Amino acid sequence: MIVIVWQVAATWRARMLAAREGQYKQLATKYAQLLEDNVELHRRSIDELTEARRSIASMEKMMREIE
């Protein structure tokens, strides 16, 4: 009887650990996707900032030529 209870407890624990591992894998996958999204947003922000700087430099040049 003790062996049966021991085996049931060991099986239950193994299932819980497997479920927890699955949750960690899902969390890691979600984190990786969020990180990729963040990198993409950062790249877009840099591109937009670069374009804004070019535009401002162009306007400054035009203003200097007018003076």
PDB file of N, CA and C in Angstrom:
ATOM      1  N   MET A   1       0.817  -1.196   0.000  1.00  0.00           N
ATOM      2  CA  MET A   1       0.000   0.000   0.000  1.00  0.00           C
ATOM      3  C   MET A   1       0.865   1.266   0.000  1.00  0.00           C
ATOM      4  N   ILE A   2       1.929   1.242   0.775  1.00  0.00           N
ATOM      5  CA  ILE A   2       2.826   2.396   0.846  1.00  0.00           C
ATOM      6  C   ILE A   2       3.464   2.649  -0.513  1.00  0.00           C
ATOM      7  N   VAL A   3       3.819   1.579  -1.207  1.00  0.00           N
ATOM      8  CA  VAL A   3       4.451   1.715  -2.516  1.00  0.00           C
ATOM      9  C   VAL A   3       3.479   2.361  -3.510  1.00  0.00           C
ATOM     10  N   ILE A   4       2.224   1.980  -3.449  1.00  0.00           N
ATOM     11  CA  ILE A   4       1.224   2.551  -4.351  1.00  0.00           C
ATOM     12  C   ILE A   4       1.055   4.041  -4.079  1.00  0.00           C
ATOM     13  N   VAL A   5       0.932   4.407  -2.811  1.00  0.00           N
ATOM     14  CA  VAL A   5       0.806   5.826  -2.447  1.00  0.00           C
ATOM     15  C   VAL A   5       2.046   6.588  -2.892  1.00  0.00           C
ATOM     16  N   TRP A   6       3.207   6.003  -2.693  1.00  0.00           N
ATOM     17  CA  TRP A   6       4.471   6.635  -3.085  1.00  0.00           C
ATOM     18  C   TRP A   6       4.508   6.860  -4.601  1.00  0.00           C
ATOM     19  N   GLN A   7       4.102   5.871  -5.363  1.00  0.00           N
ATOM     20  CA  GLN A   7       4.096   5.983  -6.818  1.00  0.00           C
ATOM     21  C   GLN A   7       3.092   7.039  -7.300  1.00  0.00           C
ATOM     22  N   VAL A   8       1.924   7.066  -6.678  1.00  0.00           N
ATOM     23  CA  VAL A   8       0.922   8.071  -7.043  1.00  0.00           C
ATOM     24  C   VAL A   8       1.471   9.478  -6.766  1.00  0.00           C
ATOM     25  N   ALA A   9       2.091   9.648  -5.624  1.00  0.00           N
ATOM     26  CA  ALA A   9       2.664  10.951  -5.277  1.00  0.00           C
ATOM     27  C   ALA A   9       3.786  11.324  -6.243  1.00  0.00           C
ATOM     28  N   ALA A  10       4.623  10.372  -6.597  1.00  0.00           N
ATOM     29  CA  ALA A  10       5.731  10.639  -7.522  1.00  0.00           C
ATOM     30  C   ALA A  10       5.189  10.990  -8.914  1.00  0.00           C
ATOM     31  N   THR A  11       4.152  10.283  -9.342  1.00  0.00           N
ATOM     32  CA  THR A  11       3.540  10.571 -10.648  1.00  0.00           C
ATOM     33  C   THR A  11       2.909  11.953 -10.643  1.00  0.00           C
ATOM     34  N   TRP A  12       2.199  12.282  -9.585  1.00  0.00           N
ATOM     35  CA  TRP A  12       1.569  13.599  -9.474  1.00  0.00           C
ATOM     36  C   TRP A  12       2.625  14.704  -9.521  1.00  0.00           C
ATOM     37  N   ARG A  13       3.721  14.496  -8.783  1.00  0.00           N
ATOM     38  CA  ARG A  13       4.787  15.497  -8.759  1.00  0.00           C
ATOM     39  C   ARG A  13       5.424  15.654 -10.138  1.00  0.00           C
ATOM     40  N   ALA A  14       5.636  14.557 -10.825  1.00  0.00           N
ATOM     41  CA  ALA A  14       6.222  14.623 -12.164  1.00  0.00           C
ATOM     42  C   ALA A  14       5.309  15.384 -13.114  1.00  0.00           C
ATOM     43  N   ARG A  15       4.007  15.177 -13.010  1.00  0.00           N
ATOM     44  CA  ARG A  15       3.065  15.904 -13.860  1.00  0.00           C
ATOM     45  C   ARG A  15       3.093  17.400 -13.548  1.00  0.00           C
ATOM     46  N   MET A  16       3.160  17.733 -12.282  1.00  0.00           N
ATOM     47  CA  MET A  16       3.216  19.142 -11.900  1.00  0.00           C
ATOM     48  C   MET A  16       4.494  19.806 -12.433  1.00  0.00           C
ATOM     49  N   LEU A  17       5.607  19.093 -12.329  1.00  0.00           N
ATOM     50  CA  LEU A  17       6.868  19.646 -12.831  1.00  0.00           C
ATOM     51  C   LEU A  17       6.830  19.806 -14.347  1.00  0.00           C
ATOM     52  N   ALA A  18       6.233  18.851 -15.037  1.00  0.00           N
ATOM     53  CA  ALA A  18       6.109  18.943 -16.495  1.00  0.00           C
ATOM     54  C   ALA A  18       5.213  20.128 -16.879  1.00  0.00           C
ATOM     55  N   ALA A  19       4.138  20.315 -16.148  1.00  0.00           N
ATOM     56  CA  ALA A  19       3.244  21.443 -16.428  1.00  0.00           C
ATOM     57  C   ALA A  19       3.960  22.764 -16.186  1.00  0.00           C
ATOM     58  N   ARG A  20       4.714  22.844 -15.127  1.00  0.00           N
ATOM     59  CA  ARG A  20       5.458  24.066 -14.813  1.00  0.00           C
ATOM     60  C   ARG A  20       6.508  24.343 -15.890  1.00  0.00           C
ATOM     61  N   GLU A  21       7.164  23.284 -16.354  1.00  0.00           N
ATOM     62  CA  GLU A  21       8.160  23.444 -17.410  1.00  0.00           C
ATOM     63  C   GLU A  21       7.496  23.961 -18.692  1.00  0.00           C
ATOM     64  N   GLY A  22       6.317  23.461 -18.995  1.00  0.00           N
ATOM     65  CA  GLY A  22       5.582  23.943 -20.163  1.00  0.00           C
ATOM     66  C   GLY A  22       5.236  25.414 -20.033  1.00  0.00           C
ATOM     67  N   GLN A  23       4.853  25.822 -18.837  1.00  0.00           N
ATOM     68  CA  GLN A  23       4.539  27.231 -18.610  1.00  0.00           C
ATOM     69  C   GLN A  23       5.785  28.102 -18.771  1.00  0.00           C
ATOM     70  N   TYR A  24       6.934  27.607 -18.291  1.00  0.00           N
ATOM     71  CA  TYR A  24       8.176  28.357 -18.454  1.00  0.00           C
ATOM     72  C   TYR A  24       8.541  28.487 -19.927  1.00  0.00           C
ATOM     73  N   LYS A  25       8.330  27.427 -20.695  1.00  0.00           N
ATOM     74  CA  LYS A  25       8.614  27.485 -22.131  1.00  0.00           C
ATOM     75  C   LYS A  25       7.713  28.500 -22.819  1.00  0.00           C
ATOM     76  N   GLN A  26       6.436  28.520 -22.458  1.00  0.00           N
ATOM     77  CA  GLN A  26       5.512  29.502 -23.032  1.00  0.00           C
ATOM     78  C   GLN A  26       5.940  30.920 -22.665  1.00  0.00           C
ATOM     79  N   LEU A  27       6.329  31.103 -21.419  1.00  0.00           N
ATOM     80  CA  LEU A  27       6.769  32.422 -20.969  1.00  0.00           C
ATOM     81  C   LEU A  27       8.030  32.856 -21.713  1.00  0.00           C
ATOM     82  N   ALA A  28       8.968  31.938 -21.902  1.00  0.00           N
ATOM     83  CA  ALA A  28      10.198  32.259 -22.625  1.00  0.00           C
ATOM     84  C   ALA A  28       9.887  32.616 -24.077  1.00  0.00           C
ATOM     85  N   THR A  29       8.968  31.892 -24.692  1.00  0.00           N
ATOM     86  CA  THR A  29       8.580  32.178 -26.068  1.00  0.00           C
ATOM     87  C   THR A  29       7.929  33.559 -26.167  1.00  0.00           C
ATOM     88  N   LYS A  30       7.050  33.854 -25.224  1.00  0.00           N
ATOM     89  CA  LYS A  30       6.383  35.163 -25.215  1.00  0.00           C
ATOM     90  C   LYS A  30       7.408  36.282 -24.997  1.00  0.00           C
ATOM     91  N   TYR A  31       8.357  36.060 -24.099  1.00  0.00           N
ATOM     92  CA  TYR A  31       9.393  37.057 -23.842  1.00  0.00           C
ATOM     93  C   TYR A  31      10.227  37.292 -25.095  1.00  0.00           C
ATOM     94  N   ALA A  32      10.587  36.213 -25.798  1.00  0.00           N
ATOM     95  CA  ALA A  32      11.379  36.355 -27.019  1.00  0.00           C
ATOM     96  C   ALA A  32      10.610  37.158 -28.065  1.00  0.00           C
ATOM     97  N   GLN A  33       9.315  36.897 -28.201  1.00  0.00           N
ATOM     98  CA  GLN A  33       8.507  37.637 -29.168  1.00  0.00           C
ATOM     99  C   GLN A  33       8.414  39.112 -28.784  1.00  0.00           C
ATOM    100  N   LEU A  34       8.208  39.388 -27.509  1.00  0.00           N
ATOM    101  CA  LEU A  34       8.145  40.784 -27.053  1.00  0.00           C
ATOM    102  C   LEU A  34       9.476  41.495 -27.273  1.00  0.00           C
ATOM    103  N   LEU A  35      10.561  40.775 -27.068  1.00  0.00           N
ATOM    104  CA  LEU A  35      11.881  41.356 -27.290  1.00  0.00           C
ATOM    105  C   LEU A  35      12.081  41.684 -28.767  1.00  0.00           C
ATOM    106  N   GLU A  36      11.663  40.784 -29.643  1.00  0.00           N
ATOM    107  CA  GLU A  36      11.758  41.055 -31.082  1.00  0.00           C
ATOM    108  C   GLU A  36      10.902  42.261 -31.458  1.00  0.00           C
ATOM    109  N   ASP A  37       9.697  42.333 -30.900  1.00  0.00           N
ATOM    110  CA  ASP A  37       8.827  43.479 -31.170  1.00  0.00           C
ATOM    111  C   ASP A  37       9.467  44.779 -30.693  1.00  0.00           C
ATOM    112  N   ASN A  38      10.085  44.727 -29.532  1.00  0.00           N
ATOM    113  CA  ASN A  38      10.739  45.908 -28.972  1.00  0.00           C
ATOM    114  C   ASN A  38      11.904  46.352 -29.850  1.00  0.00           C
ATOM    115  N   VAL A  39      12.673  45.398 -30.340  1.00  0.00           N
ATOM    116  CA  VAL A  39      13.792  45.735 -31.222  1.00  0.00           C
ATOM    117  C   VAL A  39      13.274  46.381 -32.507  1.00  0.00           C
ATOM    118  N   GLU A  40      12.191  45.841 -33.049  1.00  0.00           N
ATOM    119  CA  GLU A  40      11.602  46.413 -34.266  1.00  0.00           C
ATOM    120  C   GLU A  40      11.108  47.842 -34.014  1.00  0.00           C
ATOM    121  N   LEU A  41      10.443  48.073 -32.893  1.00  0.00           N
ATOM    122  CA  LEU A  41       9.980  49.432 -32.561  1.00  0.00           C
ATOM    123  C   LEU A  41      11.154  50.386 -32.389  1.00  0.00           C
ATOM    124  N   HIS A  42      12.201  49.894 -31.776  1.00  0.00           N
ATOM    125  CA  HIS A  42      13.403  50.714 -31.587  1.00  0.00           C
ATOM    126  C   HIS A  42      14.005  51.085 -32.940  1.00  0.00           C
ATOM    127  N   ARG A  43      14.071  50.112 -33.847  1.00  0.00           N
ATOM    128  CA  ARG A  43      14.612  50.373 -35.178  1.00  0.00           C
ATOM    129  C   ARG A  43      13.758  51.415 -35.910  1.00  0.00           C
ATOM    130  N   ARG A  44      12.440  51.281 -35.805  1.00  0.00           N
ATOM    131  CA  ARG A  44      11.545  52.248 -36.459  1.00  0.00           C
ATOM    132  C   ARG A  44      11.733  53.649 -35.870  1.00  0.00           C
ATOM    133  N   SER A  45      11.876  53.720 -34.556  1.00  0.00           N
ATOM    134  CA  SER A  45      12.078  55.022 -33.900  1.00  0.00           C
ATOM    135  C   SER A  45      13.368  55.677 -34.387  1.00  0.00           C
ATOM    136  N   ILE A  46      14.404  54.878 -34.505  1.00  0.00           N
ATOM    137  CA  ILE A  46      15.684  55.414 -34.989  1.00  0.00           C
ATOM    138  C   ILE A  46      15.534  55.902 -36.420  1.00  0.00           C
ATOM    139  N   ASP A  47      14.838  55.130 -37.250  1.00  0.00           N
ATOM    140  CA  ASP A  47      14.622  55.552 -38.646  1.00  0.00           C
ATOM    141  C   ASP A  47      13.840  56.863 -38.712  1.00  0.00           C
ATOM    142  N   GLU A  48      12.796  56.972 -37.904  1.00  0.00           N
ATOM    143  CA  GLU A  48      11.993  58.195 -37.891  1.00  0.00           C
ATOM    144  C   GLU A  48      12.796  59.378 -37.374  1.00  0.00           C
ATOM    145  N   LEU A  49      13.600  59.159 -36.350  1.00  0.00           N
ATOM    146  CA  LEU A  49      14.442  60.232 -35.816  1.00  0.00           C
ATOM    147  C   LEU A  49      15.470  60.675 -36.851  1.00  0.00           C
ATOM    148  N   THR A  50      16.049  59.724 -37.548  1.00  0.00           N
ATOM    149  CA  THR A  50      17.014  60.061 -38.597  1.00  0.00           C
ATOM    150  C   THR A  50      16.357  60.897 -39.684  1.00  0.00           C
ATOM    151  N   GLU A  51      15.150  60.499 -40.095  1.00  0.00           N
ATOM    152  CA  GLU A  51      14.426  61.249 -41.120  1.00  0.00           C
ATOM    153  C   GLU A  51      14.083  62.658 -40.624  1.00  0.00           C
ATOM    154  N   ALA A  52      13.689  62.780 -39.363  1.00  0.00           N
ATOM    155  CA  ALA A  52      13.377  64.098 -38.803  1.00  0.00           C
ATOM    156  C   ALA A  52      14.627  64.981 -38.776  1.00  0.00           C
ATOM    157  N   ARG A  53      15.762  64.404 -38.431  1.00  0.00           N
ATOM    158  CA  ARG A  53      17.011  65.178 -38.420  1.00  0.00           C
ATOM    159  C   ARG A  53      17.371  65.659 -39.825  1.00  0.00           C
ATOM    160  N   ARG A  54      17.173  64.786 -40.812  1.00  0.00           N
ATOM    161  CA  ARG A  54      17.452  65.193 -42.199  1.00  0.00           C
ATOM    162  C   ARG A  54      16.547  66.355 -42.610  1.00  0.00           C
ATOM    163  N   SER A  55      15.288  66.246 -42.237  1.00  0.00           N
ATOM    164  CA  SER A  55      14.331  67.289 -42.592  1.00  0.00           C
ATOM    165  C   SER A  55      14.697  68.606 -41.920  1.00  0.00           C
ATOM    166  N   ILE A  56      15.051  68.549 -40.662  1.00  0.00           N
ATOM    167  CA  ILE A  56      15.439  69.763 -39.933  1.00  0.00           C
ATOM    168  C   ILE A  56      16.706  70.365 -40.534  1.00  0.00           C
ATOM    169  N   ALA A  57      17.660  69.512 -40.872  1.00  0.00           N
ATOM    170  CA  ALA A  57      18.906  70.014 -41.480  1.00  0.00           C
ATOM    171  C   ALA A  57      18.603  70.678 -42.814  1.00  0.00           C
ATOM    172  N   SER A  58      17.692  70.088 -43.570  1.00  0.00           N
ATOM    173  CA  SER A  58      17.310  70.671 -44.858  1.00  0.00           C
ATOM    174  C   SER A  58      16.642  72.031 -44.659  1.00  0.00           C
ATOM    175  N   MET A  59      15.760  72.142 -43.678  1.00  0.00           N
ATOM    176  CA  MET A  59      15.098  73.420 -43.403  1.00  0.00           C
ATOM    177  C   MET A  59      16.097  74.465 -42.926  1.00  0.00           C
ATOM    178  N   GLU A  60      17.060  74.060 -42.081  1.00  0.00           N
ATOM    179  CA  GLU A  60      18.083  74.997 -41.613  1.00  0.00           C
ATOM    180  C   GLU A  60      18.913  75.515 -42.785  1.00  0.00           C
ATOM    181  N   LYS A  61      19.257  74.613 -43.684  1.00  0.00           N
ATOM    182  CA  LYS A  61      20.027  75.015 -44.866  1.00  0.00           C
ATOM    183  C   LYS A  61      19.241  76.015 -45.716  1.00  0.00           C
ATOM    184  N   MET A  62      17.959  75.717 -45.894  1.00  0.00           N
ATOM    185  CA  MET A  62      17.111  76.607 -46.685  1.00  0.00           C
ATOM    186  C   MET A  62      16.995  77.975 -46.004  1.00  0.00           C
ATOM    187  N   MET A  63      16.849  77.980 -44.692  1.00  0.00           N
ATOM    188  CA  MET A  63      16.732  79.255 -43.959  1.00  0.00           C
ATOM    189  C   MET A  63      18.016  80.067 -44.074  1.00  0.00           C
ATOM    190  N   ARG A  64      19.171  79.399 -44.038  1.00  0.00           N
ATOM    191  CA  ARG A  64      20.446  80.108 -44.152  1.00  0.00           C
ATOM    192  C   ARG A  64      20.600  80.708 -45.540  1.00  0.00           C
ATOM    193  N   GLU A  65      20.122  79.987 -46.550  1.00  0.00           N
ATOM    194  CA  GLU A  65      20.225  80.488 -47.915  1.00  0.00           C
ATOM    195  C   GLU A  65      19.331  81.710 -48.134  1.00  0.00           C
ATOM    196  N   ILE A  66      18.188  81.730 -47.444  1.00  0.00           N
ATOM    197  CA  ILE A  66      17.266  82.847 -47.578  1.00  0.00           C
ATOM    198  C   ILE A  66      17.860  84.104 -46.949  1.00  0.00           C
ATOM    199  N   GLU A  67      18.542  83.960 -45.833  1.00  0.00           N
ATOM    200  CA  GLU A  67      19.118  85.116 -45.142  1.00  0.00           C
ATOM    201  C   GLU A  67      20.175  85.686 -45.995  1.00  0.00           C
TER     202      GLU A  67
END
